Amino acid sequence: ELLEETLFLTVNIIDRFLARENVVRKKLQLAGVTAMLLACKYEEVSVPVVEDLILICDRAYTRADILEMERRIVNTLNFNMSVPTPYCFMRRFLKAAQSEKKLELLSFFMIELSLV
């Protein structure tokens, strides 16, 4: 039940973090879940609690692991969470273009494919 902006910001945070830091394979899920937590804190009205994220990871990590990774990501990105994402750009562009619904759906489908 998260916003689309949260998904795009999560991928952006992961991408920028992994471009600067090496993460062992066992900690990639931890980096992803923590990036989602940071994106939720930035975009969402109600943020999931850390315990929910621990359950998502099937208890592979502890609360301390997630909070430590959060500190590491934030420090690596120099607290720069406000970045333009393809979703924000596309939403503004389509509004300015006064596009049809069909074009909007196709455009959002295309940028979701670019997440991979």
C-alpha atoms as a PDB file:
ATOM      1  CA  GLU A   1       0.000   0.000   0.000  1.00  0.00           C
ATOM      2  CA  LEU A   2       2.936   2.346  -0.623  1.00  0.00           C
ATOM      3  CA  LEU A   3       3.012   5.235  -3.076  1.00  0.00           C
ATOM      4  CA  GLU A   4       4.610   4.892  -6.499  1.00  0.00           C
ATOM      5  CA  GLU A   5       7.023   7.679  -5.569  1.00  0.00           C
ATOM      6  CA  THR A   6       8.315   5.486  -2.747  1.00  0.00           C
ATOM      7  CA  LEU A   7       9.201   2.678  -5.156  1.00  0.00           C
ATOM      8  CA  PHE A   8      11.138   4.986  -7.463  1.00  0.00           C
ATOM      9  CA  LEU A   9      12.932   6.712  -4.590  1.00  0.00           C
ATOM     10  CA  THR A  10      13.825   3.319  -3.086  1.00  0.00           C
ATOM     11  CA  VAL A  11      15.430   2.179  -6.335  1.00  0.00           C
ATOM     12  CA  ASN A  12      17.238   5.516  -6.641  1.00  0.00           C
ATOM     13  CA  ILE A  13      18.629   5.255  -3.104  1.00  0.00           C
ATOM     14  CA  ILE A  14      19.792   1.677  -3.691  1.00  0.00           C
ATOM     15  CA  ASP A  15      21.405   2.644  -6.990  1.00  0.00           C
ATOM     16  CA  ARG A  16      23.271   5.642  -5.587  1.00  0.00           C
ATOM     17  CA  PHE A  17      24.367   3.738  -2.481  1.00  0.00           C
ATOM     18  CA  LEU A  18      25.684   0.717  -4.395  1.00  0.00           C
ATOM     19  CA  ALA A  19      27.517   3.027  -6.810  1.00  0.00           C
ATOM     20  CA  ARG A  20      29.597   4.309  -3.872  1.00  0.00           C
ATOM     21  CA  GLU A  21      29.769   1.360  -1.474  1.00  0.00           C
ATOM     22  CA  ASN A  22      30.547  -2.312  -1.852  1.00  0.00           C
ATOM     23  CA  VAL A  23      28.003  -4.516  -0.118  1.00  0.00           C
ATOM     24  CA  VAL A  24      28.472  -8.224   0.422  1.00  0.00           C
ATOM     25  CA  ARG A  25      25.853 -10.445  -1.116  1.00  0.00           C
ATOM     26  CA  LYS A  26      24.386 -11.448   2.264  1.00  0.00           C
ATOM     27  CA  LYS A  27      23.650  -7.780   3.044  1.00  0.00           C
ATOM     28  CA  LEU A  28      21.949  -6.802  -0.246  1.00  0.00           C
ATOM     29  CA  GLN A  29      18.473  -7.529   1.113  1.00  0.00           C
ATOM     30  CA  LEU A  30      19.323  -5.471   4.180  1.00  0.00           C
ATOM     31  CA  ALA A  31      20.389  -2.550   1.965  1.00  0.00           C
ATOM     32  CA  GLY A  32      17.161  -2.831  -0.045  1.00  0.00           C
ATOM     33  CA  VAL A  33      14.863  -2.972   2.966  1.00  0.00           C
ATOM     34  CA  THR A  34      16.686  -0.073   4.584  1.00  0.00           C
ATOM     35  CA  ALA A  35      16.451   1.974   1.380  1.00  0.00           C
ATOM     36  CA  MET A  36      12.713   1.317   1.404  1.00  0.00           C
ATOM     37  CA  LEU A  37      12.539   2.494   5.011  1.00  0.00           C
ATOM     38  CA  LEU A  38      14.340   5.727   4.099  1.00  0.00           C
ATOM     39  CA  ALA A  39      12.106   6.285   1.063  1.00  0.00           C
ATOM     40  CA  CYS A  40       9.019   5.715   3.230  1.00  0.00           C
ATOM     41  CA  LYS A  41      10.269   8.246   5.752  1.00  0.00           C
ATOM     42  CA  TYR A  42      10.614  10.765   2.944  1.00  0.00           C
ATOM     43  CA  GLU A  43       7.456  10.063   0.900  1.00  0.00           C
ATOM     44  CA  GLU A  44       4.827   8.326   3.027  1.00  0.00           C
ATOM     45  CA  VAL A  45       2.445   9.699   5.624  1.00  0.00           C
ATOM     46  CA  SER A  46       2.706   6.611   7.826  1.00  0.00           C
ATOM     47  CA  VAL A  47       6.032   4.814   7.908  1.00  0.00           C
ATOM     48  CA  PRO A  48       6.285   1.060   8.495  1.00  0.00           C
ATOM     49  CA  VAL A  49       7.928   0.175  11.785  1.00  0.00           C
ATOM     50  CA  VAL A  50      11.318  -1.535  11.799  1.00  0.00           C
ATOM     51  CA  GLU A  51       9.797  -4.703  13.266  1.00  0.00           C
ATOM     52  CA  ASP A  52       7.619  -5.060  10.136  1.00  0.00           C
ATOM     53  CA  LEU A  53      10.738  -4.868   7.981  1.00  0.00           C
ATOM     54  CA  ILE A  54      12.394  -7.535  10.114  1.00  0.00           C
ATOM     55  CA  LEU A  55       9.409  -9.807   9.426  1.00  0.00           C
ATOM     56  CA  ILE A  56       9.629  -9.046   5.685  1.00  0.00           C
ATOM     57  CA  CYS A  57      13.246 -10.276   5.817  1.00  0.00           C
ATOM     58  CA  ASP A  58      12.133 -13.430   7.648  1.00  0.00           C
ATOM     59  CA  ARG A  59      14.119 -12.339  10.710  1.00  0.00           C
ATOM     60  CA  ALA A  60      17.409 -12.502   8.790  1.00  0.00           C
ATOM     61  CA  TYR A  61      18.452  -9.171  10.320  1.00  0.00           C
ATOM     62  CA  THR A  62      18.029  -7.463  13.669  1.00  0.00           C
ATOM     63  CA  ARG A  63      16.778  -3.991  14.500  1.00  0.00           C
ATOM     64  CA  ALA A  64      20.389  -2.944  15.124  1.00  0.00           C
ATOM     65  CA  ASP A  65      21.391  -4.208  11.654  1.00  0.00           C
ATOM     66  CA  ILE A  66      18.705  -2.129   9.961  1.00  0.00           C
ATOM     67  CA  LEU A  67      19.492   0.999  11.958  1.00  0.00           C
ATOM     68  CA  GLU A  68      23.225   0.606  11.287  1.00  0.00           C
ATOM     69  CA  MET A  69      22.591   0.193   7.551  1.00  0.00           C
ATOM     70  CA  GLU A  70      20.313   3.241   7.655  1.00  0.00           C
ATOM     71  CA  ARG A  71      23.135   5.270   9.194  1.00  0.00           C
ATOM     72  CA  ARG A  72      25.557   3.947   6.599  1.00  0.00           C
ATOM     73  CA  ILE A  73      23.290   4.767   3.640  1.00  0.00           C
ATOM     74  CA  VAL A  74      22.443   8.250   4.906  1.00  0.00           C
ATOM     75  CA  ASN A  75      26.102   9.065   5.541  1.00  0.00           C
ATOM     76  CA  THR A  76      27.173   7.678   2.157  1.00  0.00           C
ATOM     77  CA  LEU A  77      24.547   9.781   0.369  1.00  0.00           C
ATOM     78  CA  ASN A  78      25.395  12.841   2.495  1.00  0.00           C
ATOM     79  CA  PHE A  79      21.762  13.053   3.666  1.00  0.00           C
ATOM     80  CA  ASN A  80      20.700  13.838   0.080  1.00  0.00           C
ATOM     81  CA  MET A  81      17.328  12.111  -0.202  1.00  0.00           C
ATOM     82  CA  SER A  82      15.578  14.711  -2.337  1.00  0.00           C
ATOM     83  CA  VAL A  83      16.266  13.693  -5.912  1.00  0.00           C
ATOM     84  CA  PRO A  84      14.151  13.908  -9.048  1.00  0.00           C
ATOM     85  CA  THR A  85      12.886  10.480 -10.023  1.00  0.00           C
ATOM     86  CA  PRO A  86      11.470   9.398 -13.388  1.00  0.00           C
ATOM     87  CA  TYR A  87       8.033   9.157 -11.775  1.00  0.00           C
ATOM     88  CA  CYS A  88       8.046  12.799 -10.625  1.00  0.00           C
ATOM     89  CA  PHE A  89       9.295  13.954 -14.019  1.00  0.00           C
ATOM     90  CA  MET A  90       6.717  11.932 -15.933  1.00  0.00           C
ATOM     91  CA  ARG A  91       3.849  13.102 -13.752  1.00  0.00           C
ATOM     92  CA  ARG A  92       4.780  16.767 -14.321  1.00  0.00           C
ATOM     93  CA  PHE A  93       5.462  16.277 -18.021  1.00  0.00           C
ATOM     94  CA  LEU A  94       2.137  14.544 -18.656  1.00  0.00           C
ATOM     95  CA  LYS A  95       0.261  17.213 -16.714  1.00  0.00           C
ATOM     96  CA  ALA A  96       1.924  19.981 -18.728  1.00  0.00           C
ATOM     97  CA  ALA A  97       1.188  18.118 -21.959  1.00  0.00           C
ATOM     98  CA  GLN A  98      -2.455  17.624 -20.935  1.00  0.00           C
ATOM     99  CA  SER A  99      -2.168  14.024 -22.096  1.00  0.00           C
ATOM    100  CA  GLU A 100      -4.854  11.396 -22.452  1.00  0.00           C
ATOM    101  CA  LYS A 101      -5.275   8.620 -19.913  1.00  0.00           C
ATOM    102  CA  LYS A 102      -4.051   6.016 -22.406  1.00  0.00           C
ATOM    103  CA  LEU A 103      -0.753   7.855 -22.891  1.00  0.00           C
ATOM    104  CA  GLU A 104      -0.351   8.260 -19.119  1.00  0.00           C
ATOM    105  CA  LEU A 105      -0.781   4.528 -18.536  1.00  0.00           C
ATOM    106  CA  LEU A 106       1.718   3.677 -21.278  1.00  0.00           C
ATOM    107  CA  SER A 107       4.215   6.239 -19.979  1.00  0.00           C
ATOM    108  CA  PHE A 108       4.075   4.956 -16.418  1.00  0.00           C
ATOM    109  CA  PHE A 109       4.369   1.385 -17.688  1.00  0.00           C
ATOM    110  CA  MET A 110       7.530   2.329 -19.602  1.00  0.00           C
ATOM    111  CA  ILE A 111       9.205   4.013 -16.640  1.00  0.00           C
ATOM    112  CA  GLU A 112       8.337   1.047 -14.407  1.00  0.00           C
ATOM    113  CA  LEU A 113      10.144  -1.175 -16.920  1.00  0.00           C
ATOM    114  CA  SER A 114      13.172   1.082 -16.561  1.00  0.00           C
ATOM    115  CA  LEU A 115      13.413   0.247 -12.855  1.00  0.00           C
ATOM    116  CA  VAL A 116      14.908  -3.121 -13.702  1.00  0.00           C
END
